[in-house]
PDB file of N, CA and C in Angstrom:
ATOM      1  N   MET A   1     100.851  96.442  53.536  1.00  0.00           N
ATOM      2  CA  MET A   1     100.653  96.413  54.924  1.00  0.00           C
ATOM      3  C   MET A   1      99.608  97.399  55.402  1.00  0.00           C
ATOM      4  N   ARG A   2      98.702  96.994  56.226  1.00  0.00           N
ATOM      5  CA  ARG A   2      97.657  97.781  56.797  1.00  0.00           C
ATOM      6  C   ARG A   2      97.956  98.031  58.305  1.00  0.00           C
ATOM      7  N   GLY A   3      97.228  98.720  59.017  1.00  0.00           N
ATOM      8  CA  GLY A   3      97.283  98.923  60.401  1.00  0.00           C
ATOM      9  C   GLY A   3      96.804  97.682  61.191  1.00  0.00           C
ATOM     10  N   ALA A   4      96.680  97.790  62.513  1.00  0.00           N
ATOM     11  CA  ALA A   4      96.319  96.687  63.267  1.00  0.00           C
ATOM     12  C   ALA A   4      94.812  96.405  63.049  1.00  0.00           C
ATOM     13  N   GLY A   5      94.503  94.935  63.052  1.00  0.00           N
ATOM     14  CA  GLY A   5      93.123  94.755  62.825  1.00  0.00           C
ATOM     15  C   GLY A   5      92.306  94.750  63.977  1.00  0.00           C
ATOM     16  N   LEU A   6      91.123  94.497  63.919  1.00  0.00           N
ATOM     17  CA  LEU A   6      90.033  94.640  64.888  1.00  0.00           C
ATOM     18  C   LEU A   6      90.383  93.471  66.035  1.00  0.00           C
ATOM     19  N   VAL A   7      90.744  92.413  65.756  1.00  0.00           N
ATOM     20  CA  VAL A   7      91.047  91.418  66.701  1.00  0.00           C
ATOM     21  C   VAL A   7      92.410  91.695  67.560  1.00  0.00           C
ATOM     22  N   THR A   8      93.374  92.471  66.962  1.00  0.00           N
ATOM     23  CA  THR A   8      94.546  92.838  67.607  1.00  0.00           C
ATOM     24  C   THR A   8      94.192  94.007  68.512  1.00  0.00           C
ATOM     25  N   ILE A   9      93.437  94.889  68.089  1.00  0.00           N
ATOM     26  CA  ILE A   9      93.011  96.003  69.022  1.00  0.00           C
ATOM     27  C   ILE A   9      92.220  95.535  70.146  1.00  0.00           C
ATOM     28  N   LEU A  10      91.257  94.592  69.885  1.00  0.00           N
ATOM     29  CA  LEU A  10      90.558  94.180  71.098  1.00  0.00           C
ATOM     30  C   LEU A  10      91.455  93.305  71.967  1.00  0.00           C
ATOM     31  N   ALA A  11      92.349  92.550  71.516  1.00  0.00           N
ATOM     32  CA  ALA A  11      93.256  91.806  72.347  1.00  0.00           C
ATOM     33  C   ALA A  11      94.178  92.701  73.208  1.00  0.00           C
ATOM     34  N   LEU A  12      94.642  93.897  72.661  1.00  0.00           N
ATOM     35  CA  LEU A  12      95.416  94.888  73.415  1.00  0.00           C
ATOM     36  C   LEU A  12      94.578  95.587  74.247  1.00  0.00           C
ATOM     37  N   ILE A  13      93.322  95.833  74.190  1.00  0.00           N
ATOM     38  CA  ILE A  13      92.499  96.423  75.090  1.00  0.00           C
ATOM     39  C   ILE A  13      92.147  95.517  76.344  1.00  0.00           C
ATOM     40  N   PHE A  14      91.947  94.192  76.056  1.00  0.00           N
ATOM     41  CA  PHE A  14      91.816  93.173  77.050  1.00  0.00           C
ATOM     42  C   PHE A  14      93.040  93.055  77.862  1.00  0.00           C
ATOM     43  N   LEU A  15      94.158  93.007  77.282  1.00  0.00           N
ATOM     44  CA  LEU A  15      95.528  92.933  78.020  1.00  0.00           C
ATOM     45  C   LEU A  15      95.740  94.170  78.974  1.00  0.00           C
ATOM     46  N   ALA A  16      95.405  95.363  78.350  1.00  0.00           N
ATOM     47  CA  ALA A  16      95.539  96.528  79.084  1.00  0.00           C
ATOM     48  C   ALA A  16      94.571  96.592  80.293  1.00  0.00           C
ATOM     49  N   LEU A  17      93.370  96.011  80.108  1.00  0.00           N
ATOM     50  CA  LEU A  17      92.308  95.935  81.276  1.00  0.00           C
ATOM     51  C   LEU A  17      92.744  94.971  82.333  1.00  0.00           C
ATOM     52  N   LEU A  18      93.421  94.021  81.763  1.00  0.00           N
ATOM     53  CA  LEU A  18      93.905  92.928  82.803  1.00  0.00           C
ATOM     54  C   LEU A  18      95.022  93.477  83.591  1.00  0.00           C
ATOM     55  N   VAL A  19      95.973  94.109  82.981  1.00  0.00           N
ATOM     56  CA  VAL A  19      97.014  94.762  83.766  1.00  0.00           C
ATOM     57  C   VAL A  19      96.611  95.816  84.791  1.00  0.00           C
ATOM     58  N   VAL A  20      95.673  96.676  84.318  1.00  0.00           N
ATOM     59  CA  VAL A  20      95.018  97.661  85.176  1.00  0.00           C
ATOM     60  C   VAL A  20      94.414  97.071  86.349  1.00  0.00           C
ATOM     61  N   THR A  21      93.606  95.957  86.180  1.00  0.00           N
ATOM     62  CA  THR A  21      93.044  95.263  87.247  1.00  0.00           C
ATOM     63  C   THR A  21      94.057  94.722  88.351  1.00  0.00           C
ATOM     64  N   PHE A  22      95.046  94.114  87.676  1.00  0.00           N
ATOM     65  CA  PHE A  22      96.067  93.535  88.578  1.00  0.00           C
ATOM     66  C   PHE A  22      96.658  94.661  89.416  1.00  0.00           C
ATOM     67  N   VAL A  23      97.083  95.628  88.763  1.00  0.00           N
ATOM     68  CA  VAL A  23      97.795  96.781  89.516  1.00  0.00           C
ATOM     69  C   VAL A  23      96.834  97.410  90.580  1.00  0.00           C
ATOM     70  N   VAL A  24      95.634  97.490  90.352  1.00  0.00           N
ATOM     71  CA  VAL A  24      94.672  98.107  91.364  1.00  0.00           C
ATOM     72  C   VAL A  24      94.585  97.109  92.464  1.00  0.00           C
ATOM     73  N   ARG A  25      94.325  95.879  92.239  1.00  0.00           N
ATOM     74  CA  ARG A  25      94.269  94.770  93.321  1.00  0.00           C
ATOM     75  C   ARG A  25      95.427  94.864  94.185  1.00  0.00           C
ATOM     76  N   MET A  26      96.466  94.672  93.451  1.00  0.00           N
ATOM     77  CA  MET A  26      97.902  94.682  94.286  1.00  0.00           C
ATOM     78  C   MET A  26      98.200  95.982  94.964  1.00  0.00           C
ATOM     79  N   GLY A  27      97.758  97.103  94.304  1.00  0.00           N
ATOM     80  CA  GLY A  27      98.056  98.366  94.854  1.00  0.00           C
ATOM     81  C   GLY A  27      97.347  98.560  96.260  1.00  0.00           C
ATOM     82  N   THR A  28      96.224  97.952  96.224  1.00  0.00           N
ATOM     83  CA  THR A  28      95.490  98.171  97.642  1.00  0.00           C
ATOM     84  C   THR A  28      96.128  97.283  98.714  1.00  0.00           C
ATOM     85  N   GLN A  29      96.665  96.122  98.268  1.00  0.00           N
ATOM     86  CA  GLN A  29      97.385  95.327  99.243  1.00  0.00           C
ATOM     87  C   GLN A  29      98.654  96.017  99.716  1.00  0.00           C
ATOM     88  N   TYR A  30      99.232  96.724  98.883  1.00  0.00           N
ATOM     89  CA  TYR A  30     100.479  97.354  99.233  1.00  0.00           C
ATOM     90  C   TYR A  30     100.304  98.574 100.015  1.00  0.00           C
ATOM     91  N   THR A  31      99.219  99.365  99.698  1.00  0.00           N
ATOM     92  CA  THR A  31      99.014 100.613 100.595  1.00  0.00           C
ATOM     93  C   THR A  31      98.513 100.149 101.854  1.00  0.00           C
ATOM     94  N   GLN A  32      97.917  99.015 101.937  1.00  0.00           N
ATOM     95  CA  GLN A  32      97.456  98.551 103.374  1.00  0.00           C
ATOM     96  C   GLN A  32      98.798  98.088 104.029  1.00  0.00           C
ATOM     97  N   TYR A  33      99.676  97.503 103.462  1.00  0.00           N
ATOM     98  CA  TYR A  33     100.933  97.181 104.102  1.00  0.00           C
ATOM     99  C   TYR A  33     101.661  98.415 104.598  1.00  0.00           C
ATOM    100  N   LEU A  34     101.695  99.536 103.822  1.00  0.00           N
ATOM    101  CA  LEU A  34     102.345 100.687 104.180  1.00  0.00           C
ATOM    102  C   LEU A  34     101.635 101.177 105.500  1.00  0.00           C
ATOM    103  N   THR A  35     100.282 101.051 105.743  1.00  0.00           N
ATOM    104  CA  THR A  35      99.631 101.453 106.928  1.00  0.00           C
ATOM    105  C   THR A  35     100.121 100.535 108.062  1.00  0.00           C
ATOM    106  N   VAL A  36     100.094  99.148 107.811  1.00  0.00           N
ATOM    107  CA  VAL A  36     100.649  98.213 108.981  1.00  0.00           C
ATOM    108  C   VAL A  36     102.024  98.605 109.262  1.00  0.00           C
ATOM    109  N   ARG A  37     102.861  98.855 108.258  1.00  0.00           N
ATOM    110  CA  ARG A  37     104.327  99.287 108.579  1.00  0.00           C
ATOM    111  C   ARG A  37     104.352 100.405 109.464  1.00  0.00           C
ATOM    112  N   SER A  38     103.555 101.538 109.259  1.00  0.00           N
ATOM    113  CA  SER A  38     103.607 102.742 109.955  1.00  0.00           C
ATOM    114  C   SER A  38     103.129 102.466 111.382  1.00  0.00           C
ATOM    115  N   ILE A  39     102.074 101.606 111.596  1.00  0.00           N
ATOM    116  CA  ILE A  39     101.544 101.314 112.857  1.00  0.00           C
ATOM    117  C   ILE A  39     102.511 100.631 113.693  1.00  0.00           C
ATOM    118  N   LEU A  40     103.310  99.692 113.066  1.00  0.00           N
ATOM    119  CA  LEU A  40     104.278  98.920 113.702  1.00  0.00           C
ATOM    120  C   LEU A  40     105.433  99.888 114.233  1.00  0.00           C
ATOM    121  N   GLN A  41     105.773 100.684 113.340  1.00  0.00           N
ATOM    122  CA  GLN A  41     106.904 101.653 113.680  1.00  0.00           C
ATOM    123  C   GLN A  41     106.544 102.509 114.891  1.00  0.00           C
ATOM    124  N   ASP A  42     105.198 103.010 114.837  1.00  0.00           N
ATOM    125  CA  ASP A  42     104.739 104.000 115.837  1.00  0.00           C
ATOM    126  C   ASP A  42     104.687 103.245 117.251  1.00  0.00           C
ATOM    127  N   VAL A  43     104.171 102.054 117.197  1.00  0.00           N
ATOM    128  CA  VAL A  43     104.124 101.243 118.555  1.00  0.00           C
ATOM    129  C   VAL A  43     105.489 100.925 119.039  1.00  0.00           C
ATOM    130  N   ALA A  44     106.478 100.700 118.153  1.00  0.00           N
ATOM    131  CA  ALA A  44     107.858 100.233 118.505  1.00  0.00           C
ATOM    132  C   ALA A  44     108.535 101.450 119.097  1.00  0.00           C
ATOM    133  N   ALA A  45     108.199 102.681 118.551  1.00  0.00           N
ATOM    134  CA  ALA A  45     108.787 103.892 118.922  1.00  0.00           C
ATOM    135  C   ALA A  45     108.454 104.463 120.216  1.00  0.00           C
ATOM    136  N   GLN A  46     107.294 104.078 120.707  1.00  0.00           N
ATOM    137  CA  GLN A  46     106.613 104.559 121.983  1.00  0.00           C
ATOM    138  C   GLN A  46     107.731 104.331 123.040  1.00  0.00           C
ATOM    139  N   PRO A  47     107.882 105.401 124.019  1.00  0.00           N
ATOM    140  CA  PRO A  47     108.744 105.265 125.169  1.00  0.00           C
ATOM    141  C   PRO A  47     108.282 104.105 126.106  1.00  0.00           C
ATOM    142  N   GLY A  48     109.281 103.290 126.433  1.00  0.00           N
ATOM    143  CA  GLY A  48     108.984 102.165 127.326  1.00  0.00           C
ATOM    144  C   GLY A  48     108.415 100.994 126.596  1.00  0.00           C
ATOM    145  N   ALA A  49     108.453 100.928 125.263  1.00  0.00           N
ATOM    146  CA  ALA A  49     107.813  99.684 124.443  1.00  0.00           C
ATOM    147  C   ALA A  49     108.522  98.570 124.766  1.00  0.00           C
ATOM    148  N   SER A  50     109.800  98.502 124.948  1.00  0.00           N
ATOM    149  CA  SER A  50     110.601  97.311 125.364  1.00  0.00           C
ATOM    150  C   SER A  50     110.122  96.708 126.759  1.00  0.00           C
ATOM    151  N   GLU A  51     109.446  97.465 127.470  1.00  0.00           N
ATOM    152  CA  GLU A  51     109.008  97.077 128.803  1.00  0.00           C
ATOM    153  C   GLU A  51     107.734  96.261 128.825  1.00  0.00           C
ATOM    154  N   LYS A  52     107.015  96.592 127.580  1.00  0.00           N
ATOM    155  CA  LYS A  52     105.671  95.884 127.448  1.00  0.00           C
ATOM    156  C   LYS A  52     105.637  94.509 127.102  1.00  0.00           C
ATOM    157  N   SER A  53     104.620  93.781 127.475  1.00  0.00           N
ATOM    158  CA  SER A  53     104.440  92.353 127.192  1.00  0.00           C
ATOM    159  C   SER A  53     103.936  92.245 125.812  1.00  0.00           C
ATOM    160  N   GLU A  54     104.046  90.957 125.327  1.00  0.00           N
ATOM    161  CA  GLU A  54     103.510  90.720 123.886  1.00  0.00           C
ATOM    162  C   GLU A  54     101.996  91.100 123.846  1.00  0.00           C
ATOM    163  N   ARG A  55     101.293  90.755 124.911  1.00  0.00           N
ATOM    164  CA  ARG A  55      99.884  90.970 124.896  1.00  0.00           C
ATOM    165  C   ARG A  55      99.621  92.548 124.843  1.00  0.00           C
ATOM    166  N   GLU A  56     100.297  93.336 125.527  1.00  0.00           N
ATOM    167  CA  GLU A  56     100.168  94.786 125.559  1.00  0.00           C
ATOM    168  C   GLU A  56     100.517  95.445 124.198  1.00  0.00           C
ATOM    169  N   LEU A  57     101.487  94.848 123.591  1.00  0.00           N
ATOM    170  CA  LEU A  57     102.004  95.443 122.231  1.00  0.00           C
ATOM    171  C   LEU A  57     100.807  95.152 121.387  1.00  0.00           C
ATOM    172  N   TRP A  58     100.372  93.789 121.315  1.00  0.00           N
ATOM    173  CA  TRP A  58      99.462  93.495 120.401  1.00  0.00           C
ATOM    174  C   TRP A  58      98.115  94.316 120.594  1.00  0.00           C
ATOM    175  N   ARG A  59      97.756  94.619 121.773  1.00  0.00           N
ATOM    176  CA  ARG A  59      96.577  95.415 122.079  1.00  0.00           C
ATOM    177  C   ARG A  59      96.730  96.749 121.447  1.00  0.00           C
ATOM    178  N   ASP A  60      97.886  97.300 121.571  1.00  0.00           N
ATOM    179  CA  ASP A  60      98.135  98.701 120.977  1.00  0.00           C
ATOM    180  C   ASP A  60      98.083  98.589 119.460  1.00  0.00           C
ATOM    181  N   ILE A  61      98.593  97.596 118.880  1.00  0.00           N
ATOM    182  CA  ILE A  61      98.648  97.500 117.456  1.00  0.00           C
ATOM    183  C   ILE A  61      97.204  97.287 116.831  1.00  0.00           C
ATOM    184  N   SER A  62      96.510  96.222 117.625  1.00  0.00           N
ATOM    185  CA  SER A  62      95.139  95.851 116.947  1.00  0.00           C
ATOM    186  C   SER A  62      94.194  97.100 117.132  1.00  0.00           C
ATOM    187  N   ARG A  63      94.365  97.864 118.294  1.00  0.00           N
ATOM    188  CA  ARG A  63      93.377  99.194 118.343  1.00  0.00           C
ATOM    189  C   ARG A  63      93.699 100.135 117.240  1.00  0.00           C
ATOM    190  N   ARG A  64      95.044 100.223 116.822  1.00  0.00           N
ATOM    191  CA  ARG A  64      95.392 101.196 115.686  1.00  0.00           C
ATOM    192  C   ARG A  64      94.932 100.528 114.307  1.00  0.00           C
ATOM    193  N   PHE A  65      94.915  99.216 114.186  1.00  0.00           N
ATOM    194  CA  PHE A  65      94.286  98.553 113.126  1.00  0.00           C
ATOM    195  C   PHE A  65      92.899  98.971 112.889  1.00  0.00           C
ATOM    196  N   GLN A  66      92.192  99.006 114.119  1.00  0.00           N
ATOM    197  CA  GLN A  66      90.810  99.201 113.977  1.00  0.00           C
ATOM    198  C   GLN A  66      90.549 100.730 113.657  1.00  0.00           C
ATOM    199  N   ILE A  67      91.288 101.627 114.119  1.00  0.00           N
ATOM    200  CA  ILE A  67      91.150 102.872 113.837  1.00  0.00           C
ATOM    201  C   ILE A  67      91.518 103.375 112.411  1.00  0.00           C
ATOM    202  N   ASN A  68      92.435 102.586 111.876  1.00  0.00           N
ATOM    203  CA  ASN A  68      92.839 102.864 110.473  1.00  0.00           C
ATOM    204  C   ASN A  68      92.248 101.882 109.488  1.00  0.00           C
ATOM    205  N   SER A  69      91.319 101.098 109.836  1.00  0.00           N
ATOM    206  CA  SER A  69      90.494 100.231 108.956  1.00  0.00           C
ATOM    207  C   SER A  69      91.492  99.145 108.366  1.00  0.00           C
ATOM    208  N   VAL A  70      92.262  98.467 109.136  1.00  0.00           N
ATOM    209  CA  VAL A  70      93.161  97.439 108.545  1.00  0.00           C
ATOM    210  C   VAL A  70      92.362  96.187 108.747  1.00  0.00           C
ATOM    211  N   TYR A  71      91.802  95.616 107.639  1.00  0.00           N
ATOM    212  CA  TYR A  71      90.957  94.410 107.797  1.00  0.00           C
ATOM    213  C   TYR A  71      91.600  93.232 106.866  1.00  0.00           C
ATOM    214  N   ASP A  72      92.833  93.026 106.805  1.00  0.00           N
ATOM    215  CA  ASP A  72      93.419  91.954 105.949  1.00  0.00           C
ATOM    216  C   ASP A  72      93.635  90.664 106.767  1.00  0.00           C
ATOM    217  N   GLY A  73      92.833  90.534 107.790  1.00  0.00           N
ATOM    218  CA  GLY A  73      93.046  89.319 108.449  1.00  0.00           C
ATOM    219  C   GLY A  73      94.241  89.049 109.180  1.00  0.00           C
ATOM    220  N   ILE A  74      94.774  90.110 109.608  1.00  0.00           N
ATOM    221  CA  ILE A  74      95.938  90.093 110.548  1.00  0.00           C
ATOM    222  C   ILE A  74      95.560  89.720 111.965  1.00  0.00           C
ATOM    223  N   GLU A  75      96.053  88.648 112.441  1.00  0.00           N
ATOM    224  CA  GLU A  75      95.494  88.120 113.736  1.00  0.00           C
ATOM    225  C   GLU A  75      96.809  88.073 114.695  1.00  0.00           C
ATOM    226  N   GLU A  76      96.405  87.959 115.988  1.00  0.00           N
ATOM    227  CA  GLU A  76      97.407  87.881 117.086  1.00  0.00           C
ATOM    228  C   GLU A  76      98.575  86.843 116.775  1.00  0.00           C
ATOM    229  N   GLU A  77      98.137  85.699 116.058  1.00  0.00           N
ATOM    230  CA  GLU A  77      99.332  84.638 115.789  1.00  0.00           C
ATOM    231  C   GLU A  77     100.191  85.166 114.595  1.00  0.00           C
ATOM    232  N   ASN A  78      99.859  86.176 113.964  1.00  0.00           N
ATOM    233  CA  ASN A  78     100.755  86.843 112.888  1.00  0.00           C
ATOM    234  C   ASN A  78     101.829  87.754 113.557  1.00  0.00           C
ATOM    235  N   PHE A  79     101.675  88.045 114.929  1.00  0.00           N
ATOM    236  CA  PHE A  79     102.484  88.969 115.634  1.00  0.00           C
ATOM    237  C   PHE A  79     103.406  88.184 116.555  1.00  0.00           C
ATOM    238  N   GLN A  80     104.636  88.633 116.712  1.00  0.00           N
ATOM    239  CA  GLN A  80     105.625  88.117 117.718  1.00  0.00           C
ATOM    240  C   GLN A  80     106.378  89.207 118.250  1.00  0.00           C
ATOM    241  N   ARG A  81     106.764  89.014 119.492  1.00  0.00           N
ATOM    242  CA  ARG A  81     107.674  89.780 120.206  1.00  0.00           C
ATOM    243  C   ARG A  81     108.961  88.932 120.432  1.00  0.00           C
ATOM    244  N   LEU A  82     109.985  89.200 119.778  1.00  0.00           N
ATOM    245  CA  LEU A  82     111.254  88.562 119.681  1.00  0.00           C
ATOM    246  C   LEU A  82     112.079  88.754 120.953  1.00  0.00           C
ATOM    247  N   GLU A  83     112.905  87.769 121.240  1.00  0.00           N
ATOM    248  CA  GLU A  83     113.647  87.890 122.575  1.00  0.00           C
ATOM    249  C   GLU A  83     114.704  88.913 122.581  1.00  0.00           C
ATOM    250  N   ASP A  84     115.177  89.231 121.330  1.00  0.00           N
ATOM    251  CA  ASP A  84     116.191  90.274 121.206  1.00  0.00           C
ATOM    252  C   ASP A  84     115.660  91.809 121.174  1.00  0.00           C
ATOM    253  N   GLY A  85     114.471  91.913 121.617  1.00  0.00           N
ATOM    254  CA  GLY A  85     113.911  93.444 121.733  1.00  0.00           C
ATOM    255  C   GLY A  85     113.339  93.937 120.474  1.00  0.00           C
ATOM    256  N   ARG A  86     112.910  93.008 119.586  1.00  0.00           N
ATOM    257  CA  ARG A  86     112.244  93.443 118.506  1.00  0.00           C
ATOM    258  C   ARG A  86     110.811  92.922 118.376  1.00  0.00           C
ATOM    259  N   ILE A  87     110.015  93.502 117.431  1.00  0.00           N
ATOM    260  CA  ILE A  87     108.619  92.844 117.183  1.00  0.00           C
ATOM    261  C   ILE A  87     108.671  92.578 115.742  1.00  0.00           C
ATOM    262  N   ARG A  88     107.810  91.538 115.376  1.00  0.00           N
ATOM    263  CA  ARG A  88     107.769  91.131 114.026  1.00  0.00           C
ATOM    264  C   ARG A  88     106.224  90.893 113.651  1.00  0.00           C
ATOM    265  N   ILE A  89     105.839  91.206 112.456  1.00  0.00           N
ATOM    266  CA  ILE A  89     104.578  90.735 112.111  1.00  0.00           C
ATOM    267  C   ILE A  89     104.701  90.190 110.682  1.00  0.00           C
ATOM    268  N   GLU A  90     104.153  89.067 110.371  1.00  0.00           N
ATOM    269  CA  GLU A  90     104.170  88.433 109.120  1.00  0.00           C
ATOM    270  C   GLU A  90     102.830  87.796 108.765  1.00  0.00           C
ATOM    271  N   TYR A  91     102.257  88.258 107.652  1.00  0.00           N
ATOM    272  CA  TYR A  91     100.965  87.869 107.262  1.00  0.00           C
ATOM    273  C   TYR A  91     100.871  87.651 105.695  1.00  0.00           C
ATOM    274  N   GLU A  92      99.811  87.181 105.214  1.00  0.00           N
ATOM    275  CA  GLU A  92      99.628  86.913 103.885  1.00  0.00           C
ATOM    276  C   GLU A  92      98.160  87.319 103.457  1.00  0.00           C
ATOM    277  N   VAL A  93      98.094  87.898 102.396  1.00  0.00           N
ATOM    278  CA  VAL A  93      96.729  88.420 101.902  1.00  0.00           C
ATOM    279  C   VAL A  93      96.607  87.745 100.577  1.00  0.00           C
ATOM    280  N   ARG A  94      95.355  87.068 100.448  1.00  0.00           N
ATOM    281  CA  ARG A  94      94.936  86.316  99.258  1.00  0.00           C
ATOM    282  C   ARG A  94      93.695  86.946  98.906  1.00  0.00           C
ATOM    283  N   ARG A  95      93.512  87.477  97.655  1.00  0.00           N
ATOM    284  CA  ARG A  95      92.333  87.989  97.187  1.00  0.00           C
ATOM    285  C   ARG A  95      91.929  87.449  95.751  1.00  0.00           C
ATOM    286  N   PRO A  96      90.699  87.225  95.459  1.00  0.00           N
ATOM    287  CA  PRO A  96      90.411  86.710  94.079  1.00  0.00           C
ATOM    288  C   PRO A  96      90.757  87.712  92.964  1.00  0.00           C
ATOM    289  N   PHE A  97      91.203  87.237  91.989  1.00  0.00           N
ATOM    290  CA  PHE A  97      91.652  88.122  90.786  1.00  0.00           C
ATOM    291  C   PHE A  97      90.777  87.935  89.650  1.00  0.00           C
ATOM    292  N   LEU A  98      90.672  86.705  89.038  1.00  0.00           N
ATOM    293  CA  LEU A  98      89.763  86.541  87.921  1.00  0.00           C
ATOM    294  C   LEU A  98      89.574  85.078  87.809  1.00  0.00           C
ATOM    295  N   GLY A  99      88.320  84.873  87.921  1.00  0.00           N
ATOM    296  CA  GLY A  99      87.828  83.393  87.937  1.00  0.00           C
ATOM    297  C   GLY A  99      88.332  82.643  89.122  1.00  0.00           C
ATOM    298  N   ASN A 100      89.168  81.556  88.916  1.00  0.00           N
ATOM    299  CA  ASN A 100      89.739  80.803  90.000  1.00  0.00           C
ATOM    300  C   ASN A 100      91.153  81.107  90.210  1.00  0.00           C
ATOM    301  N   VAL A 101      91.581  82.227  89.811  1.00  0.00           N
ATOM    302  CA  VAL A 101      92.942  82.816  89.997  1.00  0.00           C
ATOM    303  C   VAL A 101      92.962  83.770  91.109  1.00  0.00           C
ATOM    304  N   ASP A 102      93.839  83.644  92.054  1.00  0.00           N
ATOM    305  CA  ASP A 102      93.972  84.474  93.195  1.00  0.00           C
ATOM    306  C   ASP A 102      95.320  85.390  93.107  1.00  0.00           C
ATOM    307  N   THR A 103      95.271  86.430  93.772  1.00  0.00           N
ATOM    308  CA  THR A 103      96.496  87.183  93.983  1.00  0.00           C
ATOM    309  C   THR A 103      96.932  86.896  95.448  1.00  0.00           C
ATOM    310  N   VAL A 104      98.211  86.541  95.663  1.00  0.00           N
ATOM    311  CA  VAL A 104      98.617  86.262  96.904  1.00  0.00           C
ATOM    312  C   VAL A 104     100.011  87.201  97.238  1.00  0.00           C
ATOM    313  N   ALA A 105      99.928  87.840  98.286  1.00  0.00           N
ATOM    314  CA  ALA A 105     100.963  88.719  98.682  1.00  0.00           C
ATOM    315  C   ALA A 105     101.349  88.413 100.104  1.00  0.00           C
ATOM    316  N   ARG A 106     102.715  88.141 100.448  1.00  0.00           N
ATOM    317  CA  ARG A 106     103.248  87.885 101.770  1.00  0.00           C
ATOM    318  C   ARG A 106     103.956  89.091 102.276  1.00  0.00           C
ATOM    319  N   PHE A 107     103.720  89.521 103.432  1.00  0.00           N
ATOM    320  CA  PHE A 107     104.283  90.716 104.086  1.00  0.00           C
ATOM    321  C   PHE A 107     104.954  90.389 105.287  1.00  0.00           C
ATOM    322  N   SER A 108     106.078  90.988 105.535  1.00  0.00           N
ATOM    323  CA  SER A 108     106.843  90.782 106.764  1.00  0.00           C
ATOM    324  C   SER A 108     107.566  91.995 107.160  1.00  0.00           C
ATOM    325  N   ARG A 109     107.486  92.442 108.493  1.00  0.00           N
ATOM    326  CA  ARG A 109     108.103  93.608 108.966  1.00  0.00           C
ATOM    327  C   ARG A 109     108.574  93.384 110.408  1.00  0.00           C
ATOM    328  N   THR A 110     109.869  93.739 110.784  1.00  0.00           N
ATOM    329  CA  THR A 110     110.419  93.846 112.071  1.00  0.00           C
ATOM    330  C   THR A 110     110.952  95.022 112.390  1.00  0.00           C
ATOM    331  N   GLU A 111     110.612  95.383 113.610  1.00  0.00           N
ATOM    332  CA  GLU A 111     110.903  96.874 114.192  1.00  0.00           C
ATOM    333  C   GLU A 111     111.595  96.564 115.590  1.00  0.00           C
ATOM    334  N   GLU A 112     112.461  97.564 115.876  1.00  0.00           N
ATOM    335  CA  GLU A 112     113.339  97.508 117.115  1.00  0.00           C
ATOM    336  C   GLU A 112     112.408  98.241 118.257  1.00  0.00           C
ATOM    337  N   LEU A 113     112.275  97.668 119.391  1.00  0.00           N
ATOM    338  CA  LEU A 113     111.603  98.399 120.461  1.00  0.00           C
ATOM    339  C   LEU A 113     112.382  99.403 121.182  1.00  0.00           C
ATOM    340  N   THR A 114     111.754 100.491 121.375  1.00  0.00           N
ATOM    341  CA  THR A 114     112.376 101.551 122.177  1.00  0.00           C
ATOM    342  C   THR A 114     112.469 101.323 123.626  1.00  0.00           C
ATOM    343  N   PRO A 115     113.592 101.516 124.279  1.00  0.00           N
ATOM    344  CA  PRO A 115     113.767 101.240 125.655  1.00  0.00           C
ATOM    345  C   PRO A 115     112.867 102.339 126.469  1.00  0.00           C
TER     346      PRO A 115
END
């Protein structure tokens, strides 16, 4: 028996590059979600947040999105002010991965508004 052949080594290198590419592309989506989550927590924790309208809350959130360069296509229709004093954001990020294969990540976060 001998060691791994050239084809095996090339296949392992290709597989490793594929995994690294996937991790990098998904990693950026998740780091962006961490920013979105932090922004939602900050806006919900502001004193008097429960007294604000849905429009005012969205304005605060979208302004922070601009400051923090959040450009994942999160629009006002992805945001809701729930009747029980919470806010929710649900969105989906779809990015090309390889050829006609895309990566899709769905994110959802709900926060309690501060009175």
